[in-house]
Amino acid sequence: MGLFVGIIMSAFGLGYFVYGKKSDDLLFLFTGIALMIYPYFFQNVMAIVIIGVILLIAPFALKKFTE
C-alpha cells in the first residue's frame, strides 16, 4: 500500500514540477521536487499521506497568504 501511495504522490509531484517549469513558478517547481522525493524517506503509509496532502496544499496556501 505504501508503494502505491508513494507512486501517486510522485505523480502529483511530476505534475507540479512540469507546471512550475512551464510557468516559471519556483514554488510549484520545488514543491514538485519535494513530492517526488519524500516518499523514499518514510515507510508509514499514514505519514506519507499526511505529508503529501500538506505539500499538495502548500503552494496554494502560500500564494493566498502572500497576496
N, C-alpha and C. Protein backbone atom coordinates (compact mmCIF):
# COMPACT_ATOMS: atom_id res chain seq x y z
N MET A 1 0.83 -1.20 0.00
CA MET A 1 0.00 0.00 0.00
C MET A 1 0.87 1.26 0.00
N GLY A 2 1.94 1.22 0.75
CA GLY A 2 2.84 2.38 0.81
C GLY A 2 3.47 2.69 -0.53
N LEU A 3 3.80 1.65 -1.28
CA LEU A 3 4.38 1.85 -2.61
C LEU A 3 3.39 2.54 -3.53
N PHE A 4 2.14 2.11 -3.49
CA PHE A 4 1.10 2.71 -4.33
C PHE A 4 0.89 4.18 -3.98
N VAL A 5 0.82 4.50 -2.70
CA VAL A 5 0.63 5.88 -2.26
C VAL A 5 1.84 6.73 -2.66
N GLY A 6 3.04 6.17 -2.53
CA GLY A 6 4.25 6.89 -2.94
C GLY A 6 4.26 7.19 -4.43
N ILE A 7 3.79 6.25 -5.22
CA ILE A 7 3.72 6.46 -6.68
C ILE A 7 2.70 7.55 -7.02
N ILE A 8 1.58 7.54 -6.34
CA ILE A 8 0.55 8.57 -6.57
C ILE A 8 1.09 9.95 -6.21
N MET A 9 1.75 10.07 -5.06
CA MET A 9 2.29 11.37 -4.65
C MET A 9 3.40 11.82 -5.60
N SER A 10 4.20 10.88 -6.08
CA SER A 10 5.24 11.23 -7.04
C SER A 10 4.64 11.69 -8.36
N ALA A 11 3.51 11.12 -8.75
CA ALA A 11 2.83 11.56 -9.97
C ALA A 11 2.33 12.99 -9.82
N PHE A 12 1.76 13.31 -8.66
CA PHE A 12 1.37 14.70 -8.40
C PHE A 12 2.59 15.60 -8.42
N GLY A 13 3.69 15.12 -7.86
CA GLY A 13 4.93 15.89 -7.86
C GLY A 13 5.41 16.18 -9.26
N LEU A 14 5.31 15.21 -10.14
CA LEU A 14 5.70 15.42 -11.52
C LEU A 14 4.82 16.48 -12.17
N GLY A 15 3.53 16.44 -11.89
CA GLY A 15 2.62 17.46 -12.41
C GLY A 15 2.96 18.85 -11.89
N TYR A 16 3.23 18.97 -10.59
CA TYR A 16 3.62 20.26 -10.02
C TYR A 16 4.94 20.73 -10.63
N PHE A 17 5.88 19.81 -10.82
CA PHE A 17 7.17 20.16 -11.38
C PHE A 17 7.03 20.70 -12.81
N VAL A 18 6.26 20.00 -13.63
CA VAL A 18 6.07 20.44 -15.02
C VAL A 18 5.35 21.78 -15.06
N TYR A 19 4.33 21.95 -14.23
CA TYR A 19 3.62 23.22 -14.19
C TYR A 19 4.55 24.35 -13.74
N GLY A 20 5.34 24.10 -12.72
CA GLY A 20 6.27 25.11 -12.22
C GLY A 20 7.32 25.48 -13.25
N LYS A 21 7.76 24.50 -14.01
CA LYS A 21 8.77 24.77 -15.03
C LYS A 21 8.18 25.57 -16.20
N LYS A 22 6.97 25.22 -16.61
CA LYS A 22 6.35 25.93 -17.74
C LYS A 22 5.93 27.35 -17.37
N SER A 23 5.51 27.55 -16.13
CA SER A 23 5.03 28.87 -15.72
C SER A 23 6.10 29.68 -14.98
N ASP A 24 7.30 29.16 -14.89
CA ASP A 24 8.41 29.81 -14.15
C ASP A 24 8.02 30.13 -12.72
N ASP A 25 7.32 29.22 -12.09
CA ASP A 25 6.90 29.38 -10.70
C ASP A 25 7.76 28.48 -9.83
N LEU A 26 8.70 29.08 -9.10
CA LEU A 26 9.63 28.30 -8.30
C LEU A 26 8.95 27.55 -7.16
N LEU A 27 7.86 28.10 -6.64
CA LEU A 27 7.16 27.44 -5.54
C LEU A 27 6.61 26.08 -5.98
N PHE A 28 5.96 26.04 -7.13
CA PHE A 28 5.45 24.77 -7.64
C PHE A 28 6.59 23.85 -8.07
N LEU A 29 7.65 24.42 -8.60
CA LEU A 29 8.79 23.62 -9.04
C LEU A 29 9.42 22.87 -7.86
N PHE A 30 9.71 23.59 -6.78
CA PHE A 30 10.34 22.95 -5.63
C PHE A 30 9.38 22.05 -4.85
N THR A 31 8.09 22.41 -4.84
CA THR A 31 7.11 21.53 -4.21
C THR A 31 6.99 20.22 -4.98
N GLY A 32 7.06 20.30 -6.30
CA GLY A 32 7.03 19.10 -7.13
C GLY A 32 8.22 18.20 -6.86
N ILE A 33 9.40 18.80 -6.72
CA ILE A 33 10.59 18.01 -6.40
C ILE A 33 10.43 17.35 -5.03
N ALA A 34 9.92 18.10 -4.06
CA ALA A 34 9.71 17.54 -2.71
C ALA A 34 8.71 16.40 -2.74
N LEU A 35 7.64 16.55 -3.53
CA LEU A 35 6.63 15.49 -3.62
C LEU A 35 7.19 14.23 -4.27
N MET A 36 8.14 14.38 -5.17
CA MET A 36 8.72 13.20 -5.82
C MET A 36 9.74 12.50 -4.94
N ILE A 37 10.37 13.23 -4.02
CA ILE A 37 11.47 12.66 -3.24
C ILE A 37 11.04 12.13 -1.87
N TYR A 38 10.14 12.83 -1.20
CA TYR A 38 9.88 12.49 0.21
C TYR A 38 9.37 11.07 0.46
N PRO A 39 8.63 10.41 -0.44
CA PRO A 39 8.16 9.04 -0.12
C PRO A 39 9.30 8.04 0.09
N TYR A 40 10.48 8.33 -0.40
CA TYR A 40 11.62 7.43 -0.20
C TYR A 40 12.09 7.40 1.25
N PHE A 41 11.74 8.42 2.03
CA PHE A 41 12.24 8.54 3.39
C PHE A 41 11.26 8.07 4.46
N PHE A 42 10.05 7.71 4.06
CA PHE A 42 9.03 7.28 5.01
C PHE A 42 8.47 5.93 4.61
N GLN A 43 8.22 5.08 5.60
CA GLN A 43 7.62 3.78 5.33
C GLN A 43 6.19 3.69 5.84
N ASN A 44 5.83 4.56 6.75
CA ASN A 44 4.49 4.58 7.30
C ASN A 44 3.54 5.23 6.29
N VAL A 45 2.49 4.50 5.91
CA VAL A 45 1.55 4.99 4.89
C VAL A 45 0.86 6.27 5.36
N MET A 46 0.49 6.31 6.62
CA MET A 46 -0.20 7.49 7.13
C MET A 46 0.70 8.72 7.07
N ALA A 47 1.97 8.56 7.38
CA ALA A 47 2.91 9.68 7.30
C ALA A 47 3.06 10.16 5.85
N ILE A 48 3.12 9.23 4.92
CA ILE A 48 3.24 9.59 3.50
C ILE A 48 2.01 10.38 3.06
N VAL A 49 0.84 9.95 3.47
CA VAL A 49 -0.40 10.63 3.08
C VAL A 49 -0.48 12.02 3.70
N ILE A 50 -0.19 12.12 4.99
CA ILE A 50 -0.31 13.42 5.68
C ILE A 50 0.68 14.42 5.11
N ILE A 51 1.92 14.03 4.96
CA ILE A 51 2.93 14.93 4.40
C ILE A 51 2.59 15.28 2.96
N GLY A 52 2.11 14.31 2.21
CA GLY A 52 1.73 14.56 0.82
C GLY A 52 0.61 15.58 0.70
N VAL A 53 -0.40 15.45 1.52
CA VAL A 53 -1.52 16.40 1.48
C VAL A 53 -1.05 17.79 1.86
N ILE A 54 -0.19 17.88 2.86
CA ILE A 54 0.35 19.19 3.26
C ILE A 54 1.13 19.81 2.10
N LEU A 55 1.97 19.00 1.44
CA LEU A 55 2.74 19.53 0.32
C LEU A 55 1.85 19.88 -0.88
N LEU A 56 0.77 19.13 -1.08
CA LEU A 56 -0.14 19.45 -2.18
C LEU A 56 -0.86 20.78 -1.96
N ILE A 57 -1.20 21.07 -0.73
CA ILE A 57 -1.94 22.29 -0.41
C ILE A 57 -1.02 23.50 -0.25
N ALA A 58 0.23 23.28 0.14
CA ALA A 58 1.15 24.36 0.49
C ALA A 58 1.29 25.45 -0.56
N PRO A 59 1.50 25.14 -1.84
CA PRO A 59 1.68 26.25 -2.80
C PRO A 59 0.46 27.15 -2.91
N PHE A 60 -0.74 26.57 -2.85
CA PHE A 60 -1.95 27.37 -2.95
C PHE A 60 -2.14 28.23 -1.70
N ALA A 61 -1.86 27.66 -0.53
CA ALA A 61 -1.99 28.40 0.72
C ALA A 61 -0.96 29.53 0.79
N LEU A 62 0.27 29.25 0.41
CA LEU A 62 1.30 30.29 0.44
C LEU A 62 1.00 31.42 -0.53
N LYS A 63 0.49 31.10 -1.70
CA LYS A 63 0.14 32.14 -2.67
C LYS A 63 -1.02 32.98 -2.15
N LYS A 64 -1.98 32.34 -1.49
CA LYS A 64 -3.12 33.08 -0.96
C LYS A 64 -2.70 34.04 0.15
N PHE A 65 -1.80 33.58 1.04
CA PHE A 65 -1.37 34.42 2.15
C PHE A 65 -0.39 35.49 1.75
N THR A 66 0.30 35.32 0.62
CA THR A 66 1.28 36.34 0.20
C THR A 66 0.66 37.38 -0.70
N GLU A 67 -0.59 37.22 -1.09
CA GLU A 67 -1.22 38.23 -1.95
C GLU A 67 -1.67 39.42 -1.16
